Amino acid sequence: MSGPLRLQGEYLSDQSRLEPAIIKAGVVVVLGTIMSILDTTIVAVALHKLSGDFHVTVSTIQWVTTGYLLSLAVVIPVSGWAIHRIGAKTVYMVSLGCFIVGSALCGFAWSATSLIFFRVLQGIGGGMIMPVGQSIMARAAGPQRMGRVMGIIGVPQLLGPILGPVIGGVIISNTSWRWIFFVNVPIGLVALWLSKSYLAKSERDHEHRFDLFGFLLLSPGLALVVYGLSQVGTEGGFHGASVWDSLIVGVVLTALFVLRSIRAPEPLIEMHLFRDRTFSVAAVGIFLTGATLYGTMFLLPLYYQIVRGDPAWKAGLMMAPQGIGAALVMRSAGSLSDRKGPRYVATIGMALLALGTFAYTSVTASSGYLVLAAALFVRGIGLGFAMMPVFAASYRNLTHANVPKATSATNIIRQVGGSLGVAIFAVVLQTQIAQRFPTTGAALQSGMLHPTLNELQKIAGAFRHSFWWSFGTCVLGIVPALFLPNTGVAHRAAPAPAVEPSLD
């Protein structure tokens, strides 16, 4: 690029440093996004408590997590249209407001059903916070500095799901579980004020149309697929009518959505993006990383609380090594990916992720805490090296006009992967416990019965089996990483913008 590129009313040089305006916007995006992502796993350590308080099984209470993730995925497709029609700043602030209201309602929930319902409402508010924030940052930075920008906005994306259980554990052990939702209210209000001060106004484009018919296909399609999988645990297998009816209808609706999106002039998900080989490969990696990240973060606190009998604060604290490992390498992973290419960085990351997960495939009721913590530390390093380069690679060959569409698509893929991962791992765990304890499995899961040492060893066996599924997902993630580009972009000329100088 021969001259400066004007974005958001600012002239940005093609050098690698980030201007103060971008850093300030990054602070706003991180603060808002971290609340939304924290709530994907902050309830992880509360599930055991919620299961006992509401007298429901793991396969039911997992919907507190799955329902939230699924609502995130369902509302994300609206973000691309909303950015053009309403403007990125307005959408971001409205989403924050909805999230704050949803969080308050979750804190007042009186049953598992009401909590799940309010979590869905909360997810609808938080669903657009992440993609809109990513779009603001990605379009301002350009492809040359995408890795560095991902290193900034990757803080909530990576550390949020990891630190969520730690924060949740401390809150639950010292106060009511309701405060894991109430705490979002003051933080959200601060984020709203900063958004008004630091985010630039963006132009509106009323020419874009919302694909309502596509939305009506995608939303129930994804929900029914996840619901069908969750019913496997309730029915004890794939033989129930509710399982197959939900799966078949969900798959058909999702397939119809894909077919429509290929032909629609303005689809919710731009399927033509998948014509680009790098984007398609990165999408597979994002899906698998989301599945093992959220799915494993569902299993880990339950293992420590059910099998080891640890209180919520200790179960949450045992997640800290993963966050430390990720924090140590996250920023350098983005820069290294810019210089050397994402293939080697992401491949090493997925391999380390699999290695750290492998240690949990042999857990018992007396496994050493030091060994388990070390394994999570390795897993955290793997997450840091795997996630950010894969996300950055998805934007590699795109024009500025396609960035909001790609942001919407990649976030949907990650959340769908996460919701499916939680649902599948919960079903596996539920089924394994039910096989070992046909009559008392539900009571043991909810803490209504105190298991003997022999029973604890059997429950540990159920977790071992479940962790093998997570390990297999990590191994599968190595495959797409091997097909990512192996060259950097830090010194490559950036393409000219495909849209007007002032961007959303």
Protein backbone atom coordinates (compact mmCIF):
# COMPACT_ATOMS: atom_id res chain seq x y z
CA MET A 1 0.00 0.00 0.00
CA SER A 2 1.59 3.27 -1.10
CA GLY A 3 -0.20 5.71 1.16
CA PRO A 4 -2.11 5.91 4.44
CA LEU A 5 -5.54 4.31 4.68
CA ARG A 6 -8.29 6.40 6.25
CA LEU A 7 -10.53 4.45 8.62
CA GLN A 8 -13.02 5.75 11.20
CA GLY A 9 -12.05 9.31 10.26
CA GLU A 10 -8.40 8.69 11.22
CA TYR A 11 -5.32 8.26 9.07
CA LEU A 12 -3.62 5.02 9.96
CA SER A 13 -0.14 4.30 8.70
CA ASP A 14 0.79 0.92 7.32
CA GLN A 15 3.22 0.38 10.16
CA SER A 16 2.58 -2.25 12.76
CA ARG A 17 1.97 0.01 15.77
CA LEU A 18 -1.55 0.61 16.99
CA GLU A 19 -2.74 4.21 17.27
CA PRO A 20 -4.25 5.54 20.54
CA ALA A 21 -7.72 5.72 18.96
CA ILE A 22 -7.60 1.99 18.21
CA ILE A 23 -6.32 1.19 21.69
CA LYS A 24 -9.12 3.20 23.34
CA ALA A 25 -11.71 1.47 21.18
CA GLY A 26 -10.06 -1.83 22.10
CA VAL A 27 -10.52 -1.09 25.80
CA VAL A 28 -14.23 -0.49 25.26
CA VAL A 29 -14.60 -3.64 23.16
CA VAL A 30 -12.70 -5.75 25.69
CA LEU A 31 -14.74 -4.48 28.64
CA GLY A 32 -18.05 -5.15 26.94
CA THR A 33 -17.06 -8.41 25.34
CA ILE A 34 -15.51 -9.91 28.46
CA MET A 35 -18.85 -9.74 30.27
CA SER A 36 -20.60 -11.61 27.48
CA ILE A 37 -17.90 -14.27 27.25
CA LEU A 38 -17.41 -14.59 31.01
CA ASP A 39 -21.03 -15.59 31.25
CA THR A 40 -20.43 -18.53 28.92
CA THR A 41 -18.51 -20.30 31.69
CA ILE A 42 -18.92 -18.27 34.89
CA VAL A 43 -21.87 -20.51 35.72
CA ALA A 44 -19.79 -23.66 35.17
CA VAL A 45 -18.90 -23.97 38.85
CA ALA A 46 -22.49 -23.15 39.77
CA LEU A 47 -24.04 -26.03 37.82
CA HIS A 48 -23.53 -28.52 40.63
CA LYS A 49 -25.14 -26.10 43.11
CA LEU A 50 -27.97 -25.27 40.71
CA SER A 51 -28.59 -28.95 40.05
CA GLY A 52 -29.09 -29.54 43.76
CA ASP A 53 -31.11 -26.39 44.45
CA PHE A 54 -33.50 -26.99 41.56
CA HIS A 55 -33.45 -30.82 41.84
CA VAL A 56 -32.58 -31.48 38.19
CA THR A 57 -30.00 -33.66 36.43
CA VAL A 58 -26.81 -32.65 34.62
CA SER A 59 -28.47 -33.15 31.23
CA THR A 60 -31.12 -30.61 32.24
CA ILE A 61 -29.00 -28.03 34.04
CA GLN A 62 -26.48 -27.99 31.18
CA TRP A 63 -29.07 -25.93 29.31
CA VAL A 64 -28.09 -23.00 31.53
CA THR A 65 -24.84 -23.02 29.54
CA THR A 66 -26.07 -24.47 26.25
CA GLY A 67 -29.10 -22.18 26.04
CA TYR A 68 -26.85 -19.14 26.48
CA LEU A 69 -24.36 -20.30 23.85
CA LEU A 70 -27.14 -21.19 21.44
CA SER A 71 -28.86 -17.83 21.81
CA LEU A 72 -25.52 -16.16 21.10
CA ALA A 73 -25.22 -18.13 17.89
CA VAL A 74 -28.81 -17.44 16.83
CA VAL A 75 -28.60 -13.66 17.23
CA ILE A 76 -25.10 -13.23 15.79
CA PRO A 77 -26.31 -13.33 12.14
CA VAL A 78 -28.28 -10.15 12.81
CA SER A 79 -25.06 -8.26 13.60
CA GLY A 80 -23.87 -7.84 10.01
CA TRP A 81 -27.18 -6.33 8.90
CA ALA A 82 -27.49 -4.23 12.06
CA ILE A 83 -24.01 -2.72 11.60
CA HIS A 84 -24.99 -1.43 8.17
CA ARG A 85 -28.54 -0.42 9.02
CA ILE A 86 -28.11 1.08 12.49
CA GLY A 87 -24.38 1.67 12.87
CA ALA A 88 -21.76 -0.23 14.85
CA LYS A 89 -21.72 2.11 17.87
CA THR A 90 -25.51 2.12 18.28
CA VAL A 91 -25.74 -1.67 17.91
CA TYR A 92 -22.96 -2.16 20.44
CA MET A 93 -24.63 0.06 23.03
CA VAL A 94 -28.11 -1.44 22.53
CA SER A 95 -26.65 -4.92 22.90
CA LEU A 96 -24.95 -3.91 26.14
CA GLY A 97 -28.25 -2.59 27.47
CA CYS A 98 -30.11 -5.80 26.63
CA PHE A 99 -27.36 -7.86 28.25
CA ILE A 100 -27.58 -5.84 31.46
CA VAL A 101 -31.34 -6.37 31.68
CA GLY A 102 -30.98 -10.09 30.96
CA SER A 103 -28.32 -10.44 33.65
CA ALA A 104 -30.57 -8.81 36.26
CA LEU A 105 -33.44 -11.15 35.36
CA CYS A 106 -31.17 -14.20 35.68
CA GLY A 107 -30.32 -13.11 39.19
CA PHE A 108 -34.01 -13.19 40.12
CA ALA A 109 -34.69 -16.65 38.60
CA TRP A 110 -36.84 -18.94 40.79
CA SER A 111 -36.47 -22.28 38.95
CA ALA A 112 -34.30 -24.07 36.42
CA THR A 113 -36.83 -23.31 33.68
CA SER A 114 -36.95 -19.60 34.47
CA LEU A 115 -33.15 -19.40 34.69
CA ILE A 116 -32.72 -21.12 31.33
CA PHE A 117 -35.30 -18.77 29.79
CA PHE A 118 -33.60 -15.66 31.19
CA ARG A 119 -30.20 -16.98 30.08
CA VAL A 120 -31.55 -17.13 26.55
CA LEU A 121 -32.68 -13.51 26.87
CA GLN A 122 -29.27 -12.60 28.24
CA GLY A 123 -27.62 -14.33 25.29
CA ILE A 124 -29.79 -12.41 22.84
CA GLY A 125 -28.44 -9.21 24.36
CA GLY A 126 -24.84 -10.39 24.49
CA GLY A 127 -24.80 -12.17 21.15
CA MET A 128 -24.01 -9.09 19.10
CA ILE A 129 -21.49 -7.61 21.53
CA MET A 130 -18.69 -9.89 20.36
CA PRO A 131 -19.10 -9.75 16.56
CA VAL A 132 -19.81 -6.01 16.48
CA GLY A 133 -16.79 -5.33 18.68
CA GLN A 134 -14.63 -7.56 16.51
CA SER A 135 -15.86 -5.85 13.37
CA ILE A 136 -15.06 -2.40 14.76
CA MET A 137 -11.50 -3.45 15.57
CA ALA A 138 -10.84 -5.62 12.53
CA ARG A 139 -11.94 -3.04 9.98
CA ALA A 140 -9.93 -0.32 11.68
CA ALA A 141 -6.69 -2.31 11.83
CA GLY A 142 -6.55 -3.90 8.38
CA PRO A 143 -5.03 -7.27 7.49
CA GLN A 144 -1.42 -6.26 8.25
CA ARG A 145 -2.11 -5.84 11.96
CA MET A 146 -4.89 -8.37 12.36
CA GLY A 147 -2.80 -10.64 14.57
CA ARG A 148 -1.95 -7.78 16.94
CA VAL A 149 -5.56 -6.62 17.11
CA MET A 150 -6.67 -10.19 17.76
CA GLY A 151 -4.14 -10.20 20.59
CA ILE A 152 -6.08 -7.30 22.15
CA ILE A 153 -9.66 -8.43 21.61
CA GLY A 154 -8.54 -12.00 22.20
CA VAL A 155 -8.23 -11.18 25.92
CA PRO A 156 -11.96 -11.67 26.59
CA GLN A 157 -12.31 -14.38 23.95
CA LEU A 158 -9.66 -16.55 25.54
CA LEU A 159 -9.35 -15.50 29.17
CA GLY A 160 -13.09 -14.93 29.63
CA PRO A 161 -14.08 -18.60 29.33
CA ILE A 162 -11.05 -19.58 31.40
CA LEU A 163 -11.33 -17.06 34.24
CA GLY A 164 -15.11 -17.36 34.39
CA PRO A 165 -15.08 -20.44 36.64
CA VAL A 166 -12.49 -18.82 38.94
CA ILE A 167 -14.61 -15.70 39.44
CA GLY A 168 -17.79 -17.74 39.67
CA GLY A 169 -16.29 -20.02 42.28
CA VAL A 170 -15.25 -17.12 44.50
CA ILE A 171 -18.70 -15.51 44.22
CA ILE A 172 -20.63 -18.72 44.91
CA SER A 173 -18.47 -19.66 47.90
CA ASN A 174 -18.92 -16.27 49.54
CA THR A 175 -22.35 -15.14 48.39
CA SER A 176 -25.38 -16.46 46.53
CA TRP A 177 -25.10 -17.82 43.00
CA ARG A 178 -27.37 -14.96 41.97
CA TRP A 179 -24.44 -12.55 42.22
CA ILE A 180 -22.68 -14.16 39.27
CA PHE A 181 -25.38 -12.38 37.24
CA PHE A 182 -25.92 -9.25 39.34
CA VAL A 183 -22.21 -8.36 39.05
CA ASN A 184 -22.70 -7.66 35.35
CA VAL A 185 -24.99 -4.71 36.03
CA PRO A 186 -22.45 -2.12 37.32
CA ILE A 187 -19.75 -3.30 34.90
CA GLY A 188 -22.20 -3.05 32.03
CA LEU A 189 -23.16 0.49 32.97
CA VAL A 190 -19.49 1.52 32.94
CA ALA A 191 -19.06 -0.11 29.52
CA LEU A 192 -22.08 1.84 28.22
CA TRP A 193 -20.59 5.14 29.37
CA LEU A 194 -17.19 4.37 27.83
CA SER A 195 -18.84 3.29 24.58
CA LYS A 196 -20.54 6.66 24.30
CA SER A 197 -17.24 8.45 24.91
CA TYR A 198 -14.70 6.40 22.93
CA LEU A 199 -16.52 4.75 20.03
CA ALA A 200 -16.85 6.87 16.90
CA LYS A 201 -20.20 7.24 15.20
CA SER A 202 -20.56 5.33 11.97
CA GLU A 203 -22.56 5.94 8.86
CA ARG A 204 -25.81 4.09 8.25
CA ASP A 205 -26.63 2.22 5.08
CA HIS A 206 -30.38 1.70 4.60
CA GLU A 207 -29.94 -0.28 1.39
CA HIS A 208 -29.26 -3.53 3.24
CA ARG A 209 -32.17 -5.87 3.97
CA PHE A 210 -32.63 -8.33 6.80
CA ASP A 211 -33.09 -11.95 5.70
CA LEU A 212 -36.07 -12.74 7.91
CA PHE A 213 -36.87 -16.02 6.18
CA GLY A 214 -33.31 -17.23 6.60
CA PHE A 215 -33.40 -16.26 10.27
CA LEU A 216 -36.62 -18.27 10.75
CA LEU A 217 -34.86 -21.30 9.26
CA LEU A 218 -31.56 -20.99 11.11
CA SER A 219 -32.78 -20.21 14.63
CA PRO A 220 -35.05 -23.24 15.16
CA GLY A 221 -32.72 -25.42 13.10
CA LEU A 222 -29.77 -24.93 15.42
CA ALA A 223 -31.96 -25.09 18.53
CA LEU A 224 -33.56 -28.39 17.50
CA VAL A 225 -30.22 -30.02 16.67
CA VAL A 226 -28.81 -29.15 20.09
CA TYR A 227 -32.07 -30.10 21.82
CA GLY A 228 -32.12 -33.46 20.05
CA LEU A 229 -28.59 -34.21 21.20
CA SER A 230 -29.40 -33.20 24.77
CA GLN A 231 -32.40 -35.54 24.75
CA VAL A 232 -30.07 -38.48 24.13
CA GLY A 233 -29.10 -38.28 27.80
CA THR A 234 -32.71 -38.07 28.92
CA GLU A 235 -33.88 -40.94 26.70
CA GLY A 236 -30.80 -43.05 27.43
CA GLY A 237 -29.84 -43.32 23.76
CA PHE A 238 -30.88 -42.49 20.20
CA HIS A 239 -34.01 -44.62 20.33
CA GLY A 240 -36.43 -41.95 21.62
CA ALA A 241 -38.87 -40.25 19.24
CA SER A 242 -38.04 -36.82 20.67
CA VAL A 243 -34.38 -37.37 19.78
CA TRP A 244 -34.89 -38.28 16.14
CA ASP A 245 -37.75 -35.86 15.51
CA SER A 246 -35.68 -32.95 16.81
CA LEU A 247 -32.50 -33.97 15.00
CA ILE A 248 -34.19 -34.62 11.65
CA VAL A 249 -36.23 -31.41 11.66
CA GLY A 250 -33.23 -29.41 12.89
CA VAL A 251 -30.91 -30.78 10.20
CA VAL A 252 -33.51 -30.21 7.47
CA LEU A 253 -34.10 -26.60 8.54
CA THR A 254 -30.35 -25.94 8.74
CA ALA A 255 -29.81 -27.49 5.29
CA LEU A 256 -32.61 -25.36 3.85
CA PHE A 257 -30.98 -22.30 5.38
CA VAL A 258 -27.68 -23.14 3.69
CA LEU A 259 -29.37 -23.66 0.30
CA ARG A 260 -31.25 -20.40 0.62
CA SER A 261 -28.13 -18.50 1.72
CA ILE A 262 -26.27 -19.59 -1.41
CA ARG A 263 -28.91 -17.93 -3.60
CA ALA A 264 -30.11 -15.08 -1.39
CA PRO A 265 -28.87 -11.58 -2.32
CA GLU A 266 -28.14 -10.66 1.32
CA PRO A 267 -28.02 -13.83 3.45
CA LEU A 268 -27.45 -13.87 7.19
CA ILE A 269 -24.32 -15.95 6.62
CA GLU A 270 -22.42 -15.21 3.43
CA MET A 271 -21.80 -18.72 2.11
CA HIS A 272 -19.60 -17.39 -0.68
CA LEU A 273 -16.95 -16.69 1.94
CA PHE A 274 -16.38 -20.44 2.08
CA ARG A 275 -15.12 -20.37 -1.48
CA ASP A 276 -11.90 -19.07 0.00
CA ARG A 277 -9.87 -22.09 1.09
CA THR A 278 -8.22 -20.31 4.02
CA PHE A 279 -11.53 -19.11 5.42
CA SER A 280 -13.08 -22.58 5.14
CA VAL A 281 -10.15 -24.29 6.84
CA ALA A 282 -10.08 -21.66 9.59
CA ALA A 283 -13.84 -22.13 10.11
CA VAL A 284 -13.36 -25.84 10.79
CA GLY A 285 -10.61 -25.04 13.28
CA ILE A 286 -12.78 -22.42 14.99
CA PHE A 287 -15.65 -24.91 15.32
CA LEU A 288 -13.48 -27.62 16.88
CA THR A 289 -11.70 -25.18 19.18
CA GLY A 290 -15.04 -23.87 20.41
CA ALA A 291 -16.29 -27.39 21.04
CA THR A 292 -13.31 -28.46 23.15
CA LEU A 293 -13.02 -25.10 24.93
CA TYR A 294 -16.60 -24.81 26.16
CA GLY A 295 -17.25 -28.54 26.38
CA THR A 296 -14.20 -29.20 28.54
CA MET A 297 -14.88 -26.16 30.70
CA PHE A 298 -18.26 -27.73 31.38
CA LEU A 299 -16.70 -31.02 32.52
CA LEU A 300 -13.79 -29.78 34.61
CA PRO A 301 -15.64 -28.01 37.47
CA LEU A 302 -18.09 -30.90 37.73
CA TYR A 303 -15.21 -33.35 38.09
CA TYR A 304 -13.66 -31.36 40.94
CA GLN A 305 -16.98 -30.85 42.72
CA ILE A 306 -18.62 -34.27 42.22
CA VAL A 307 -15.60 -36.61 42.29
CA ARG A 308 -13.18 -34.65 44.47
CA GLY A 309 -15.79 -32.99 46.67
CA ASP A 310 -14.15 -29.59 46.29
CA PRO A 311 -16.05 -26.39 47.11
CA ALA A 312 -16.91 -24.00 44.29
CA TRP A 313 -14.04 -21.61 45.00
CA LYS A 314 -11.45 -24.40 44.83
CA ALA A 315 -12.98 -25.89 41.68
CA GLY A 316 -12.84 -22.46 40.09
CA LEU A 317 -9.28 -21.86 41.28
CA MET A 318 -8.17 -25.11 39.69
CA MET A 319 -9.03 -23.53 36.32
CA ALA A 320 -6.48 -20.73 36.89
CA PRO A 321 -3.42 -22.57 35.44
CA GLN A 322 -5.18 -22.71 32.09
CA GLY A 323 -5.68 -18.93 32.15
CA ILE A 324 -2.07 -18.32 33.16
CA GLY A 325 -0.77 -20.48 30.32
CA ALA A 326 -2.96 -18.70 27.80
CA ALA A 327 -2.00 -15.24 29.07
CA LEU A 328 1.70 -15.98 28.71
CA VAL A 329 1.53 -16.73 24.99
CA MET A 330 -1.59 -15.03 23.64
CA ARG A 331 -0.05 -11.73 22.52
CA SER A 332 3.08 -13.33 21.12
CA ALA A 333 0.99 -15.92 19.26
CA GLY A 334 -0.75 -13.17 17.28
CA SER A 335 2.51 -11.44 16.36
CA LEU A 336 4.19 -14.74 15.52
CA SER A 337 1.29 -15.66 13.28
CA ASP A 338 1.62 -12.33 11.43
CA ARG A 339 5.33 -12.94 10.80
CA LYS A 340 5.59 -16.68 10.23
CA GLY A 341 2.09 -17.66 9.19
CA PRO A 342 -0.71 -19.32 11.19
CA ARG A 343 -0.07 -22.93 10.13
CA TYR A 344 2.83 -23.75 12.42
CA VAL A 345 1.57 -21.67 15.35
CA ALA A 346 -1.94 -23.16 15.27
CA THR A 347 -0.67 -26.72 14.74
CA ILE A 348 1.63 -26.50 17.75
CA GLY A 349 -1.22 -24.97 19.74
CA MET A 350 -3.69 -27.75 18.91
CA ALA A 351 -1.06 -30.39 19.69
CA LEU A 352 -0.40 -28.84 23.11
CA LEU A 353 -4.13 -28.55 23.67
CA ALA A 354 -4.50 -32.26 23.01
CA LEU A 355 -1.53 -33.08 25.23
CA GLY A 356 -2.96 -31.13 28.17
CA THR A 357 -6.36 -32.76 27.72
CA PHE A 358 -4.84 -36.25 27.51
CA ALA A 359 -3.85 -36.14 31.19
CA TYR A 360 -7.54 -35.98 32.13
CA THR A 361 -8.38 -39.17 30.26
CA SER A 362 -6.89 -41.10 33.19
CA VAL A 363 -8.29 -39.15 36.15
CA THR A 364 -9.30 -41.00 39.29
CA ALA A 365 -10.83 -40.00 42.61
CA SER A 366 -7.32 -39.34 43.94
CA SER A 367 -5.37 -37.89 41.00
CA GLY A 368 -2.67 -35.45 42.08
CA TYR A 369 -3.71 -31.82 41.96
CA LEU A 370 -0.24 -30.75 40.83
CA VAL A 371 -0.35 -33.04 37.80
CA LEU A 372 -3.84 -31.86 36.90
CA ALA A 373 -2.83 -28.20 37.28
CA ALA A 374 0.25 -28.74 35.10
CA ALA A 375 -1.92 -30.37 32.44
CA LEU A 376 -4.27 -27.38 32.44
CA PHE A 377 -1.28 -25.04 32.16
CA VAL A 378 -0.16 -26.89 29.02
CA ARG A 379 -3.73 -26.80 27.74
CA GLY A 380 -3.83 -23.04 28.29
CA ILE A 381 -0.63 -22.55 26.28
CA GLY A 382 -2.21 -24.62 23.53
CA LEU A 383 -5.34 -22.45 23.54
CA GLY A 384 -3.24 -19.31 23.32
CA PHE A 385 -1.30 -20.58 20.32
CA ALA A 386 -4.30 -22.13 18.57
CA MET A 387 -7.25 -19.79 18.85
CA MET A 388 -5.94 -16.34 17.86
CA PRO A 389 -3.97 -17.43 14.75
CA VAL A 390 -6.97 -19.38 13.48
CA PHE A 391 -9.28 -16.40 13.90
CA ALA A 392 -6.75 -14.05 12.29
CA ALA A 393 -6.34 -16.45 9.36
CA SER A 394 -10.07 -16.34 8.66
CA TYR A 395 -9.74 -12.62 7.76
CA ARG A 396 -6.55 -13.07 5.77
CA ASN A 397 -7.87 -12.88 2.19
CA LEU A 398 -10.99 -10.76 2.77
CA THR A 399 -11.82 -7.25 1.65
CA HIS A 400 -12.91 -4.68 4.19
CA ALA A 401 -16.47 -4.99 2.93
CA ASN A 402 -16.50 -8.69 3.83
CA VAL A 403 -15.12 -8.28 7.35
CA PRO A 404 -18.54 -7.86 9.09
CA LYS A 405 -19.88 -10.89 7.19
CA ALA A 406 -16.85 -12.98 8.17
CA THR A 407 -17.05 -11.80 11.78
CA SER A 408 -20.68 -12.91 11.96
CA ALA A 409 -19.91 -16.27 10.37
CA THR A 410 -16.89 -17.11 12.54
CA ASN A 411 -18.68 -16.18 15.76
CA ILE A 412 -21.67 -18.30 14.82
CA ILE A 413 -19.36 -21.21 14.07
CA ARG A 414 -17.57 -20.85 17.40
CA GLN A 415 -20.77 -20.60 19.46
CA VAL A 416 -22.43 -23.47 17.63
CA GLY A 417 -19.29 -25.53 18.19
CA GLY A 418 -19.34 -24.59 21.86
CA SER A 419 -23.04 -25.37 22.34
CA LEU A 420 -22.69 -28.71 20.57
CA GLY A 421 -19.58 -29.49 22.60
CA VAL A 422 -21.35 -28.79 25.90
CA ALA A 423 -24.46 -30.72 24.85
CA ILE A 424 -22.52 -33.75 23.59
CA PHE A 425 -20.10 -33.91 26.52
CA ALA A 426 -23.03 -33.53 28.95
CA VAL A 427 -24.86 -36.38 27.23
CA VAL A 428 -21.77 -38.58 27.34
CA LEU A 429 -21.26 -37.86 31.05
CA GLN A 430 -24.93 -38.34 31.87
CA THR A 431 -25.06 -41.63 29.96
CA GLN A 432 -21.88 -42.96 31.55
CA ILE A 433 -23.08 -42.16 35.07
CA ALA A 434 -26.51 -43.66 34.35
CA GLN A 435 -24.89 -46.88 33.13
CA ARG A 436 -22.87 -47.15 36.33
CA PHE A 437 -25.72 -46.07 38.64
CA PRO A 438 -29.07 -46.92 37.02
CA THR A 439 -31.16 -45.86 40.02
CA THR A 440 -29.07 -43.33 41.97
CA GLY A 441 -27.17 -41.53 39.19
CA ALA A 442 -29.27 -38.36 39.28
CA ALA A 443 -29.04 -38.05 43.06
CA LEU A 444 -25.28 -38.51 43.00
CA GLN A 445 -24.87 -35.82 40.34
CA SER A 446 -26.94 -33.26 42.22
CA GLY A 447 -25.23 -33.94 45.55
CA MET A 448 -28.35 -35.30 47.22
CA LEU A 449 -26.43 -38.49 48.06
CA HIS A 450 -22.90 -38.75 49.42
CA PRO A 451 -21.02 -41.37 47.37
CA THR A 452 -18.64 -43.90 48.89
CA LEU A 453 -15.02 -44.17 47.73
CA ASN A 454 -15.91 -47.04 45.43
CA GLU A 455 -18.77 -45.02 43.95
CA LEU A 456 -16.45 -42.06 43.47
CA GLN A 457 -14.06 -44.23 41.48
CA LYS A 458 -16.94 -45.31 39.24
CA ILE A 459 -17.99 -41.69 38.71
CA ALA A 460 -14.37 -40.83 37.89
CA GLY A 461 -14.55 -43.52 35.22
CA ALA A 462 -17.50 -41.69 33.67
CA PHE A 463 -15.45 -38.49 33.54
CA ARG A 464 -12.48 -40.33 32.01
CA HIS A 465 -14.71 -41.51 29.20
CA SER A 466 -16.04 -37.99 28.70
CA PHE A 467 -12.56 -36.45 28.59
CA TRP A 468 -11.61 -38.88 25.81
CA TRP A 469 -14.20 -37.11 23.68
CA SER A 470 -12.54 -33.79 24.38
CA PHE A 471 -9.12 -35.23 23.57
CA GLY A 472 -10.43 -36.59 20.27
CA THR A 473 -11.81 -33.16 19.39
CA CYS A 474 -8.39 -31.60 20.02
CA VAL A 475 -6.69 -34.18 17.81
CA LEU A 476 -9.19 -33.48 15.03
CA GLY A 477 -8.34 -29.77 15.37
CA ILE A 478 -4.76 -30.47 14.28
CA VAL A 479 -5.98 -31.46 10.80
CA PRO A 480 -7.36 -28.06 9.67
CA ALA A 481 -4.40 -26.30 11.30
CA LEU A 482 -2.06 -28.15 8.92
CA PHE A 483 -3.88 -26.60 5.94
CA LEU A 484 -3.61 -22.97 7.08
CA PRO A 485 -1.19 -20.61 5.25
CA ASN A 486 2.47 -20.95 6.17
CA THR A 487 3.53 -17.41 5.23
CA GLY A 488 3.21 -14.22 7.23
CA VAL A 489 1.41 -11.01 6.32
CA ALA A 490 3.31 -8.49 8.44
CA HIS A 491 5.38 -7.24 5.51
CA ARG A 492 2.85 -7.85 2.75
CA ALA A 493 1.13 -4.92 1.08
CA ALA A 494 -2.44 -4.52 2.25
CA PRO A 495 -5.20 -4.52 -0.35
CA ALA A 496 -6.98 -1.27 -1.09
CA PRO A 497 -10.25 -0.85 0.75
CA ALA A 498 -13.28 -2.09 -1.15
CA VAL A 499 -15.64 0.45 0.44
CA GLU A 500 -15.80 4.15 1.20
CA PRO A 501 -13.02 5.69 3.33
CA SER A 502 -15.20 6.02 6.43
CA LEU A 503 -16.20 2.59 7.71
CA ASP A 504 -18.45 1.29 10.42
